N, C-alpha and C. Protein backbone atom coordinates (compact mmCIF):
# COMPACT_ATOMS: atom_id res chain seq x y z
N GLN A 1 90.86 103.88 106.67
CA GLN A 1 89.42 103.66 106.76
C GLN A 1 89.13 104.45 105.84
N VAL A 2 88.13 103.87 104.64
CA VAL A 2 87.51 104.44 103.43
C VAL A 2 86.46 105.50 104.37
N GLN A 3 86.39 106.14 103.58
CA GLN A 3 85.11 107.15 104.01
C GLN A 3 84.66 107.96 102.91
N LEU A 4 82.94 107.92 102.47
CA LEU A 4 82.37 109.10 101.60
C LEU A 4 81.46 109.29 101.98
N VAL A 5 81.25 110.58 102.10
CA VAL A 5 80.14 111.12 102.51
C VAL A 5 79.54 112.11 101.58
N GLU A 6 78.55 112.10 100.65
CA GLU A 6 77.65 112.67 99.72
C GLU A 6 77.17 114.06 99.82
N SER A 7 76.96 114.82 99.56
CA SER A 7 76.20 116.18 99.53
C SER A 7 75.82 116.68 98.64
N GLY A 8 75.18 117.83 98.58
CA GLY A 8 74.41 118.32 96.86
C GLY A 8 72.87 117.67 96.65
N GLY A 9 72.26 117.01 97.37
CA GLY A 9 71.20 116.79 97.07
C GLY A 9 70.13 117.55 97.58
N GLY A 10 68.78 117.38 97.01
CA GLY A 10 67.87 118.24 97.22
C GLY A 10 66.77 118.84 96.08
N LEU A 11 66.05 119.27 95.94
CA LEU A 11 64.62 119.42 95.45
C LEU A 11 64.70 120.46 93.96
N VAL A 12 64.44 119.46 93.17
CA VAL A 12 64.97 120.73 91.82
C VAL A 12 63.53 120.50 90.64
N GLN A 13 63.30 121.24 89.76
CA GLN A 13 62.38 121.57 89.02
C GLN A 13 62.88 120.53 87.74
N PRO A 14 61.57 119.86 87.02
CA PRO A 14 62.19 119.17 85.59
C PRO A 14 62.91 120.57 84.61
N GLY A 15 63.88 119.58 84.23
CA GLY A 15 64.72 120.07 83.27
C GLY A 15 65.97 120.77 83.78
N GLY A 16 65.80 120.79 85.29
CA GLY A 16 66.96 121.84 86.10
C GLY A 16 68.59 120.83 86.35
N SER A 17 69.08 121.57 86.84
CA SER A 17 70.46 120.80 87.38
C SER A 17 70.70 120.58 88.61
N LEU A 18 72.01 120.21 88.99
CA LEU A 18 72.16 119.75 90.60
C LEU A 18 73.56 118.90 90.44
N ARG A 19 74.66 119.68 91.39
CA ARG A 19 75.27 118.90 91.22
C ARG A 19 76.24 118.06 92.70
N LEU A 20 76.11 116.62 92.82
CA LEU A 20 76.26 116.13 93.98
C LEU A 20 77.67 116.17 94.01
N SER A 21 78.34 116.07 95.36
CA SER A 21 79.74 116.00 95.82
C SER A 21 79.81 114.97 96.98
N CYS A 22 80.88 114.23 96.86
CA CYS A 22 81.94 113.04 97.28
C CYS A 22 82.67 113.40 98.15
N GLU A 23 82.78 113.80 99.34
CA GLU A 23 83.92 113.61 99.92
C GLU A 23 84.88 112.51 100.31
N ALA A 24 85.72 112.11 99.67
CA ALA A 24 86.86 110.71 99.90
C ALA A 24 87.66 110.88 100.98
N SER A 25 87.97 110.01 102.40
CA SER A 25 88.86 110.01 102.85
C SER A 25 89.36 108.65 103.04
N GLY A 26 91.07 108.29 103.30
CA GLY A 26 91.08 107.04 103.82
C GLY A 26 91.89 106.35 102.67
N PHE A 27 91.63 106.90 101.11
CA PHE A 27 92.33 106.41 100.32
C PHE A 27 92.67 107.39 98.98
N ASP A 28 93.31 107.10 98.39
CA ASP A 28 93.95 107.78 96.95
C ASP A 28 93.26 107.51 95.82
N LEU A 29 92.63 109.02 95.36
CA LEU A 29 91.65 108.87 94.32
C LEU A 29 92.44 108.28 92.73
N ASP A 30 93.79 108.54 92.69
CA ASP A 30 94.18 107.71 91.65
C ASP A 30 94.04 106.62 92.02
N TYR A 31 94.08 105.42 92.64
CA TYR A 31 94.25 104.47 92.61
C TYR A 31 93.20 103.60 93.10
N TYR A 32 91.82 104.38 92.91
CA TYR A 32 90.33 103.67 93.51
C TYR A 32 89.68 103.93 92.18
N THR A 33 89.31 103.06 91.74
CA THR A 33 88.07 102.96 91.04
C THR A 33 86.66 103.68 91.57
N ILE A 34 85.88 104.61 91.49
CA ILE A 34 84.97 105.41 92.26
C ILE A 34 83.92 105.58 90.81
N GLY A 35 82.94 105.86 91.53
CA GLY A 35 81.61 105.86 90.90
C GLY A 35 80.38 105.94 92.32
N TRP A 36 78.86 106.34 90.57
CA TRP A 36 77.88 106.62 91.24
C TRP A 36 77.07 105.27 90.99
N PHE A 37 76.12 105.57 92.29
CA PHE A 37 75.00 104.76 91.87
C PHE A 37 73.69 105.55 92.46
N ARG A 38 72.22 104.94 92.31
CA ARG A 38 71.16 105.22 92.86
C ARG A 38 69.94 104.48 92.93
N GLN A 39 69.49 104.85 93.66
CA GLN A 39 68.41 104.02 94.08
C GLN A 39 67.05 104.59 94.31
N VAL A 40 65.90 104.13 93.62
CA VAL A 40 64.76 104.30 94.02
C VAL A 40 63.95 103.31 94.92
N PRO A 41 63.26 103.82 96.01
CA PRO A 41 63.10 102.97 97.37
C PRO A 41 61.92 101.58 96.31
N GLY A 42 62.24 100.46 97.20
CA GLY A 42 61.67 99.28 96.27
C GLY A 42 62.00 99.09 95.20
N GLN A 43 63.14 99.34 94.75
CA GLN A 43 63.74 98.66 93.32
C GLN A 43 65.33 98.68 93.80
N GLU A 44 66.07 97.77 92.89
CA GLU A 44 67.46 97.63 93.29
C GLU A 44 68.28 98.63 92.92
N ARG A 45 69.29 98.87 93.35
CA ARG A 45 70.35 100.06 93.24
C ARG A 45 70.76 100.16 91.72
N GLU A 46 71.09 101.06 91.11
CA GLU A 46 71.06 101.42 89.06
C GLU A 46 72.90 101.84 89.52
N GLY A 47 73.42 101.08 88.40
CA GLY A 47 74.51 102.22 88.25
C GLY A 47 74.61 103.14 87.63
N VAL A 48 75.27 104.53 87.54
CA VAL A 48 75.05 105.44 87.12
C VAL A 48 76.46 105.86 86.37
N SER A 49 77.62 106.15 87.00
CA SER A 49 78.78 106.48 86.28
C SER A 49 80.39 106.08 87.18
N CYS A 50 81.39 105.85 86.47
CA CYS A 50 82.25 105.48 87.04
C CYS A 50 83.56 106.11 86.58
N ILE A 51 84.70 106.06 87.23
CA ILE A 51 85.94 106.70 86.57
C ILE A 51 87.26 105.45 87.01
N SER A 52 87.67 104.64 86.04
CA SER A 52 88.29 103.15 85.82
C SER A 52 89.39 104.30 86.62
N ALA A 53 89.83 103.18 87.10
CA ALA A 53 91.63 102.89 88.14
C ALA A 53 92.73 102.74 87.26
N ILE A 54 91.97 102.39 85.71
CA ILE A 54 93.14 101.91 85.33
C ILE A 54 93.36 103.12 84.24
N ASP A 55 92.39 103.73 83.48
CA ASP A 55 92.76 104.38 82.45
C ASP A 55 92.19 105.92 82.88
N ALA A 56 91.66 106.20 84.25
CA ALA A 56 91.08 107.09 84.43
C ALA A 56 89.56 107.67 83.34
N SER A 57 89.57 106.55 82.50
CA SER A 57 88.15 106.99 81.79
C SER A 57 86.89 106.96 82.45
N ALA A 58 86.05 107.59 82.14
CA ALA A 58 84.67 107.99 82.72
C ALA A 58 83.86 106.70 81.96
N TYR A 59 82.96 106.13 82.53
CA TYR A 59 81.91 105.55 81.63
C TYR A 59 80.33 105.65 82.67
N TYR A 60 79.38 105.62 81.66
CA TYR A 60 78.29 105.63 81.80
C TYR A 60 77.32 104.38 82.01
N ALA A 61 76.15 104.71 82.39
CA ALA A 61 74.92 103.98 81.65
C ALA A 61 74.52 103.97 80.68
N ASP A 62 74.08 103.72 79.60
CA ASP A 62 73.75 104.24 78.62
C ASP A 62 72.28 104.74 78.62
N SER A 63 71.61 104.92 79.35
CA SER A 63 70.27 105.70 79.47
C SER A 63 70.98 106.78 79.77
N LEU A 64 71.87 106.98 80.68
CA LEU A 64 72.04 108.38 81.48
C LEU A 64 72.96 108.95 80.35
N LYS A 65 73.63 108.50 79.45
CA LYS A 65 74.57 109.32 78.68
C LYS A 65 74.52 111.07 78.20
N GLY A 66 75.33 111.83 78.17
CA GLY A 66 74.92 112.84 77.84
C GLY A 66 74.16 113.93 78.66
N ARG A 67 73.50 113.24 80.15
CA ARG A 67 72.77 114.20 80.40
C ARG A 67 73.60 113.95 82.10
N PHE A 68 74.25 113.38 82.31
CA PHE A 68 75.27 113.18 83.58
C PHE A 68 76.85 113.47 83.07
N THR A 69 77.48 113.80 84.60
CA THR A 69 78.72 114.00 84.26
C THR A 69 79.61 113.53 85.51
N ILE A 70 80.41 112.54 85.16
CA ILE A 70 81.42 112.31 86.77
C ILE A 70 82.71 112.74 86.56
N SER A 71 83.29 113.43 87.28
CA SER A 71 84.31 113.63 87.70
C SER A 71 84.82 113.35 89.29
N LYS A 72 86.08 113.74 89.25
CA LYS A 72 86.71 114.09 90.53
C LYS A 72 88.21 115.36 90.80
N ASP A 73 88.45 115.67 91.78
CA ASP A 73 89.53 116.72 91.83
C ASP A 73 90.33 116.09 92.95
N ASN A 74 91.46 115.85 92.77
CA ASN A 74 92.34 114.89 93.52
C ASN A 74 92.73 115.82 94.50
N ALA A 75 93.24 116.85 94.20
CA ALA A 75 93.96 117.75 95.35
C ALA A 75 92.62 118.24 96.76
N GLN A 76 91.20 118.01 96.33
CA GLN A 76 90.32 118.47 97.30
C GLN A 76 89.49 116.80 97.64
N ASN A 77 90.27 115.98 97.10
CA ASN A 77 89.48 114.25 97.34
C ASN A 77 88.13 114.23 97.46
N THR A 78 87.59 114.82 96.18
CA THR A 78 86.28 114.70 95.76
C THR A 78 85.70 114.42 94.57
N ILE A 79 84.67 113.61 94.68
CA ILE A 79 84.03 113.09 93.40
C ILE A 79 82.98 113.61 92.93
N TYR A 80 82.90 114.00 92.28
CA TYR A 80 81.12 115.08 91.52
C TYR A 80 80.38 114.48 90.93
N LEU A 81 79.05 114.49 90.69
CA LEU A 81 78.29 114.35 89.93
C LEU A 81 77.63 115.26 89.30
N GLN A 82 77.83 115.29 88.07
CA GLN A 82 76.97 117.06 87.54
C GLN A 82 75.36 116.03 87.14
N LEU A 83 74.39 116.42 87.56
CA LEU A 83 72.68 116.05 86.75
C LEU A 83 72.53 117.17 85.85
N ARG A 84 72.01 116.73 84.62
CA ARG A 84 71.56 117.77 83.78
C ARG A 84 70.04 117.56 83.18
N SER A 85 68.82 118.23 82.95
CA SER A 85 67.76 117.79 82.25
C SER A 85 67.18 117.02 83.38
N LEU A 86 67.15 116.90 84.15
CA LEU A 86 66.35 115.98 85.20
C LEU A 86 65.13 115.87 85.23
N ASN A 87 65.08 114.58 84.85
CA ASN A 87 63.54 114.08 84.81
C ASN A 87 62.60 113.48 85.72
N SER A 88 61.46 113.14 85.90
CA SER A 88 60.68 112.07 86.43
C SER A 88 61.14 110.94 87.03
N GLU A 89 62.26 110.11 86.13
CA GLU A 89 62.53 109.18 86.18
C GLU A 89 64.14 109.13 87.00
N ASP A 90 64.72 110.57 87.56
CA ASP A 90 65.83 110.30 88.12
C ASP A 90 65.62 110.86 89.91
N PRO A 91 64.54 111.02 90.36
CA PRO A 91 64.32 110.63 91.90
C PRO A 91 65.03 109.58 92.26
N ALA A 92 65.72 109.76 93.09
CA ALA A 92 66.37 108.60 94.03
C ALA A 92 67.47 108.88 95.05
N VAL A 93 67.82 108.24 95.94
CA VAL A 93 68.97 108.23 96.54
C VAL A 93 70.35 108.03 95.86
N TYR A 94 71.27 109.20 95.52
CA TYR A 94 72.55 109.06 95.32
C TYR A 94 73.51 108.62 95.68
N TYR A 95 74.33 107.05 95.79
CA TYR A 95 75.66 107.11 96.68
C TYR A 95 76.64 106.80 95.96
N CYS A 96 77.80 107.64 96.27
CA CYS A 96 79.34 107.30 96.24
C CYS A 96 79.80 106.13 96.52
N VAL A 97 80.49 105.40 95.47
CA VAL A 97 81.01 104.29 95.68
C VAL A 97 82.64 104.44 95.50
N ALA A 98 83.34 103.30 96.06
CA ALA A 98 85.17 103.51 95.42
C ALA A 98 85.17 101.97 96.08
N ASP A 99 86.37 101.69 95.17
CA ASP A 99 86.99 100.04 95.38
C ASP A 99 88.57 100.18 94.93
N GLY A 100 89.48 99.22 95.42
CA GLY A 100 90.65 99.17 95.36
C GLY A 100 90.84 98.57 94.51
N THR A 101 89.85 97.70 94.27
CA THR A 101 89.90 96.63 92.75
C THR A 101 90.59 97.46 91.47
N PHE A 102 91.50 96.84 90.41
CA PHE A 102 91.36 97.38 89.48
C PHE A 102 90.69 96.90 88.49
N ILE A 103 89.15 97.66 88.78
CA ILE A 103 88.09 97.37 87.56
C ILE A 103 88.20 97.32 86.44
N ARG A 104 87.98 96.42 85.48
CA ARG A 104 87.73 96.63 84.13
C ARG A 104 86.99 97.02 83.54
N PHE A 105 87.47 98.11 83.12
CA PHE A 105 86.91 99.58 82.18
C PHE A 105 85.60 99.69 82.47
N GLY A 106 84.46 99.58 81.70
CA GLY A 106 83.02 100.08 81.84
C GLY A 106 82.40 99.16 82.54
N THR A 107 83.14 98.13 82.86
CA THR A 107 82.04 97.37 84.08
C THR A 107 82.19 97.79 85.07
N CYS A 108 83.02 99.08 85.18
CA CYS A 108 83.24 99.46 86.56
C CYS A 108 81.98 100.31 87.06
N VAL A 109 80.92 100.59 85.92
CA VAL A 109 79.60 101.16 86.34
C VAL A 109 78.39 100.49 87.07
N THR A 110 78.51 98.71 86.90
CA THR A 110 77.72 98.13 87.86
C THR A 110 78.59 97.07 88.31
N TYR A 111 79.77 97.37 88.76
CA TYR A 111 80.33 96.62 89.81
C TYR A 111 80.07 96.86 91.03
N ASP A 112 80.20 95.34 92.23
CA ASP A 112 79.97 95.11 93.57
C ASP A 112 81.17 95.99 94.05
N TYR A 113 81.01 97.44 94.34
CA TYR A 113 81.48 97.95 95.14
C TYR A 113 81.77 97.47 96.38
N ALA A 114 83.14 98.02 96.91
CA ALA A 114 83.26 97.54 98.70
C ALA A 114 82.84 98.26 99.48
N HIS A 115 82.89 99.99 98.70
CA HIS A 115 82.68 101.29 100.16
C HIS A 115 81.43 101.90 99.50
N TRP A 116 80.38 102.17 100.61
CA TRP A 116 79.63 103.06 99.79
C TRP A 116 79.59 104.27 100.86
N GLY A 117 78.68 105.73 99.97
CA GLY A 117 78.21 106.48 101.04
C GLY A 117 77.16 106.09 101.74
N GLN A 118 76.55 107.20 102.39
CA GLN A 118 75.64 106.89 103.03
C GLN A 118 73.93 107.74 102.24
N GLY A 119 74.46 108.35 100.92
CA GLY A 119 73.82 109.07 99.93
C GLY A 119 73.22 110.02 100.08
N THR A 120 72.60 110.70 99.41
CA THR A 120 71.74 112.14 99.26
C THR A 120 70.58 111.76 98.29
N GLN A 121 69.79 112.51 98.82
CA GLN A 121 68.22 112.49 98.53
C GLN A 121 68.17 113.61 96.98
N VAL A 122 67.91 113.37 95.72
CA VAL A 122 67.46 114.14 94.58
C VAL A 122 65.75 113.80 94.52
N THR A 123 65.15 114.52 94.53
CA THR A 123 63.96 114.89 94.11
C THR A 123 64.03 115.90 92.93
N VAL A 124 62.76 115.46 91.84
CA VAL A 124 62.60 116.60 90.56
C VAL A 124 61.23 116.76 90.86
N SER A 125 60.79 117.92 91.04
CA SER A 125 59.15 118.13 90.77
C SER A 125 58.79 119.53 90.78
N SER A 126 58.16 119.82 90.22
CA SER A 126 57.17 121.23 90.22
C SER A 126 56.75 121.81 91.13
């Protein structure tokens, strides 16, 4: 059974950084496409980043390139999202996602994933 458990969210000042973690179980990180979404209440979920199972490359939403970094640690079965230079547009619930489908390259950023974590809240405030 696929399970995803996020942690690491919290309150950070504008310009600050956070590292989100997602503990994965029930599947092999090498053979699943994994990623992160975020959602602001009242708005649609937004694809943030993903790592393709086809070529292990990382992909990002264009508006977030350079500030966010996705990574994974297969030995720890953990997926990370490093957030930098946080601003007023970044507060949201951040969700870890996974899917066993071989999703075509960059389309993994906005793919309709089968498995979702419960989310972790990121708040940006001075």
